[in-house]
Amino acid sequence: MGKAKRRSLKHIVNDKFQYMTRESALDSVIKNMDNKNEVIDTITLFGFTAEEMLEAGAAYEDVMAFGGLVS
């Protein structure tokens, strides 16, 4: 991979999380429960607990589906 491609790819990846706060990430997790891969990445990145997710409005079954991932 050339230098320009590498810089462009790195720029795109960094833009995704540039403005994501903990509250917006939690909101994103609750809205995108169907997209498991993205939700798992966000949960592990921010370290959400089951209690936080339930208080934000997630269904109990959805939270428990993540098992050991959520403390």
N, C-alpha and C. Protein backbone atom coordinates (compact mmCIF):
# COMPACT_ATOMS: atom_id res chain seq x y z
N MET A 1 0.86 -1.17 0.00
CA MET A 1 0.00 0.00 0.00
C MET A 1 0.90 1.23 0.00
N GLY A 2 0.57 2.17 -0.88
CA GLY A 2 1.36 3.39 -0.98
C GLY A 2 1.11 4.34 0.18
N LYS A 3 1.98 5.34 0.29
CA LYS A 3 1.87 6.31 1.39
C LYS A 3 0.57 7.09 1.32
N ALA A 4 0.17 7.50 0.14
CA ALA A 4 -1.04 8.31 0.00
C ALA A 4 -2.28 7.51 0.39
N LYS A 5 -2.36 6.26 -0.04
CA LYS A 5 -3.50 5.42 0.32
C LYS A 5 -3.54 5.18 1.83
N ARG A 6 -2.38 4.95 2.40
CA ARG A 6 -2.32 4.70 3.84
C ARG A 6 -2.79 5.93 4.61
N ARG A 7 -2.34 7.12 4.20
CA ARG A 7 -2.77 8.35 4.87
C ARG A 7 -4.26 8.58 4.69
N SER A 8 -4.78 8.33 3.51
CA SER A 8 -6.21 8.52 3.26
C SER A 8 -7.05 7.57 4.10
N LEU A 9 -6.64 6.33 4.17
CA LEU A 9 -7.36 5.34 4.96
C LEU A 9 -7.31 5.70 6.45
N LYS A 10 -6.16 6.12 6.92
CA LYS A 10 -6.01 6.50 8.32
C LYS A 10 -6.88 7.72 8.63
N HIS A 11 -6.97 8.65 7.70
CA HIS A 11 -7.78 9.86 7.89
C HIS A 11 -9.26 9.49 8.01
N ILE A 12 -9.73 8.58 7.19
CA ILE A 12 -11.14 8.16 7.22
C ILE A 12 -11.47 7.46 8.53
N VAL A 13 -10.60 6.58 8.99
CA VAL A 13 -10.83 5.85 10.23
C VAL A 13 -10.86 6.82 11.41
N ASN A 14 -9.96 7.78 11.43
CA ASN A 14 -9.91 8.73 12.54
C ASN A 14 -11.10 9.68 12.53
N ASP A 15 -11.65 10.01 11.39
CA ASP A 15 -12.81 10.89 11.31
C ASP A 15 -14.05 10.27 11.92
N LYS A 16 -14.15 8.96 11.89
CA LYS A 16 -15.34 8.28 12.40
C LYS A 16 -15.53 8.55 13.89
N PHE A 17 -14.45 8.58 14.65
CA PHE A 17 -14.54 8.72 16.09
C PHE A 17 -14.09 10.09 16.59
N GLN A 18 -13.88 11.01 15.69
CA GLN A 18 -13.35 12.30 16.10
C GLN A 18 -14.30 13.06 17.02
N TYR A 19 -15.58 13.00 16.76
CA TYR A 19 -16.54 13.77 17.52
C TYR A 19 -17.47 12.91 18.37
N MET A 20 -17.11 11.66 18.61
CA MET A 20 -17.98 10.76 19.35
C MET A 20 -17.71 10.92 20.85
N THR A 21 -18.72 11.34 21.58
CA THR A 21 -18.62 11.41 23.02
C THR A 21 -19.21 10.14 23.62
N ARG A 22 -19.06 9.98 24.91
CA ARG A 22 -19.59 8.79 25.57
C ARG A 22 -21.11 8.72 25.43
N GLU A 23 -21.77 9.87 25.56
CA GLU A 23 -23.24 9.90 25.46
C GLU A 23 -23.70 9.58 24.03
N SER A 24 -23.01 10.15 23.04
CA SER A 24 -23.41 9.87 21.66
C SER A 24 -23.10 8.42 21.28
N ALA A 25 -22.04 7.87 21.83
CA ALA A 25 -21.71 6.47 21.56
C ALA A 25 -22.76 5.55 22.16
N LEU A 26 -23.21 5.87 23.37
CA LEU A 26 -24.25 5.06 24.01
C LEU A 26 -25.55 5.13 23.21
N ASP A 27 -25.88 6.31 22.73
CA ASP A 27 -27.07 6.49 21.90
C ASP A 27 -26.94 5.69 20.61
N SER A 28 -25.75 5.69 20.02
CA SER A 28 -25.49 4.93 18.80
C SER A 28 -25.64 3.43 19.04
N VAL A 29 -25.18 2.96 20.19
CA VAL A 29 -25.30 1.54 20.53
C VAL A 29 -26.76 1.14 20.66
N ILE A 30 -27.55 1.96 21.32
CA ILE A 30 -28.96 1.65 21.53
C ILE A 30 -29.71 1.63 20.20
N LYS A 31 -29.41 2.57 19.32
CA LYS A 31 -30.11 2.65 18.03
C LYS A 31 -29.70 1.54 17.07
N ASN A 32 -28.47 1.05 17.17
CA ASN A 32 -27.95 0.08 16.20
C ASN A 32 -27.77 -1.31 16.79
N MET A 33 -28.66 -1.75 17.64
CA MET A 33 -28.54 -3.07 18.26
C MET A 33 -28.53 -4.20 17.24
N ASP A 34 -29.09 -3.99 16.06
CA ASP A 34 -29.13 -5.03 15.04
C ASP A 34 -27.76 -5.26 14.40
N ASN A 35 -26.94 -4.22 14.34
CA ASN A 35 -25.61 -4.32 13.75
C ASN A 35 -24.62 -4.72 14.84
N LYS A 36 -24.51 -6.02 15.09
CA LYS A 36 -23.75 -6.54 16.22
C LYS A 36 -22.27 -6.18 16.18
N ASN A 37 -21.64 -6.23 15.01
CA ASN A 37 -20.21 -5.95 14.93
C ASN A 37 -19.88 -4.52 15.35
N GLU A 38 -20.64 -3.57 14.86
CA GLU A 38 -20.40 -2.17 15.21
C GLU A 38 -20.69 -1.93 16.69
N VAL A 39 -21.75 -2.54 17.19
CA VAL A 39 -22.12 -2.37 18.59
C VAL A 39 -21.05 -2.97 19.51
N ILE A 40 -20.54 -4.12 19.17
CA ILE A 40 -19.51 -4.76 19.98
C ILE A 40 -18.25 -3.90 20.01
N ASP A 41 -17.86 -3.36 18.87
CA ASP A 41 -16.68 -2.50 18.82
C ASP A 41 -16.86 -1.26 19.70
N THR A 42 -18.03 -0.65 19.64
CA THR A 42 -18.28 0.56 20.42
C THR A 42 -18.35 0.26 21.90
N ILE A 43 -18.96 -0.87 22.26
CA ILE A 43 -19.06 -1.24 23.68
C ILE A 43 -17.67 -1.48 24.27
N THR A 44 -16.83 -2.19 23.54
CA THR A 44 -15.49 -2.46 24.06
C THR A 44 -14.63 -1.20 24.06
N LEU A 45 -14.84 -0.31 23.13
CA LEU A 45 -14.07 0.93 23.08
C LEU A 45 -14.38 1.82 24.27
N PHE A 46 -15.66 1.96 24.61
CA PHE A 46 -16.06 2.85 25.69
C PHE A 46 -16.26 2.15 27.03
N GLY A 47 -16.32 0.83 27.05
CA GLY A 47 -16.46 0.08 28.29
C GLY A 47 -17.81 0.29 28.98
N PHE A 48 -18.89 0.21 28.21
CA PHE A 48 -20.22 0.40 28.79
C PHE A 48 -20.58 -0.76 29.70
N THR A 49 -21.35 -0.46 30.73
CA THR A 49 -21.87 -1.50 31.62
C THR A 49 -23.32 -1.79 31.23
N ALA A 50 -23.81 -2.91 31.72
CA ALA A 50 -25.20 -3.28 31.44
C ALA A 50 -26.16 -2.25 32.03
N GLU A 51 -25.83 -1.76 33.20
CA GLU A 51 -26.69 -0.77 33.86
C GLU A 51 -26.82 0.51 33.03
N GLU A 52 -25.70 0.97 32.47
CA GLU A 52 -25.74 2.17 31.63
C GLU A 52 -26.62 1.96 30.40
N MET A 53 -26.48 0.80 29.80
CA MET A 53 -27.25 0.52 28.58
C MET A 53 -28.74 0.39 28.90
N LEU A 54 -29.08 -0.23 30.01
CA LEU A 54 -30.49 -0.36 30.38
C LEU A 54 -31.11 0.98 30.72
N GLU A 55 -30.36 1.84 31.40
CA GLU A 55 -30.87 3.17 31.74
C GLU A 55 -31.06 4.03 30.50
N ALA A 56 -30.27 3.76 29.45
CA ALA A 56 -30.39 4.53 28.21
C ALA A 56 -31.55 4.06 27.34
N GLY A 57 -32.16 2.93 27.70
CA GLY A 57 -33.34 2.49 26.98
C GLY A 57 -33.20 1.19 26.20
N ALA A 58 -32.13 0.47 26.40
CA ALA A 58 -31.96 -0.81 25.70
C ALA A 58 -32.86 -1.86 26.33
N ALA A 59 -33.28 -2.80 25.53
CA ALA A 59 -34.09 -3.91 26.03
C ALA A 59 -33.20 -4.88 26.81
N TYR A 60 -33.74 -5.45 27.86
CA TYR A 60 -32.99 -6.37 28.73
C TYR A 60 -32.43 -7.55 27.92
N GLU A 61 -33.23 -8.08 27.02
CA GLU A 61 -32.81 -9.23 26.22
C GLU A 61 -31.63 -8.89 25.32
N ASP A 62 -31.64 -7.68 24.76
CA ASP A 62 -30.54 -7.25 23.90
C ASP A 62 -29.25 -7.11 24.68
N VAL A 63 -29.34 -6.56 25.87
CA VAL A 63 -28.15 -6.38 26.69
C VAL A 63 -27.60 -7.73 27.13
N MET A 64 -28.46 -8.65 27.53
CA MET A 64 -28.02 -9.95 27.98
C MET A 64 -27.48 -10.81 26.83
N ALA A 65 -27.83 -10.47 25.59
CA ALA A 65 -27.33 -11.21 24.44
C ALA A 65 -25.81 -11.02 24.28
N PHE A 66 -25.30 -9.93 24.83
CA PHE A 66 -23.86 -9.68 24.74
C PHE A 66 -23.07 -10.45 25.79
N GLY A 67 -23.75 -11.00 26.77
CA GLY A 67 -23.13 -11.88 27.76
C GLY A 67 -21.97 -11.27 28.51
N GLY A 68 -20.80 -11.91 28.42
CA GLY A 68 -19.61 -11.48 29.15
C GLY A 68 -18.98 -10.21 28.63
N LEU A 69 -19.43 -9.73 27.50
CA LEU A 69 -18.88 -8.50 26.94
C LEU A 69 -19.26 -7.29 27.78
N VAL A 70 -20.45 -7.34 28.35
CA VAL A 70 -20.95 -6.23 29.15
C VAL A 70 -20.85 -6.63 30.62
N SER A 71 -20.24 -5.76 31.41
CA SER A 71 -20.08 -6.08 32.83
C SER A 71 -21.28 -5.63 33.63
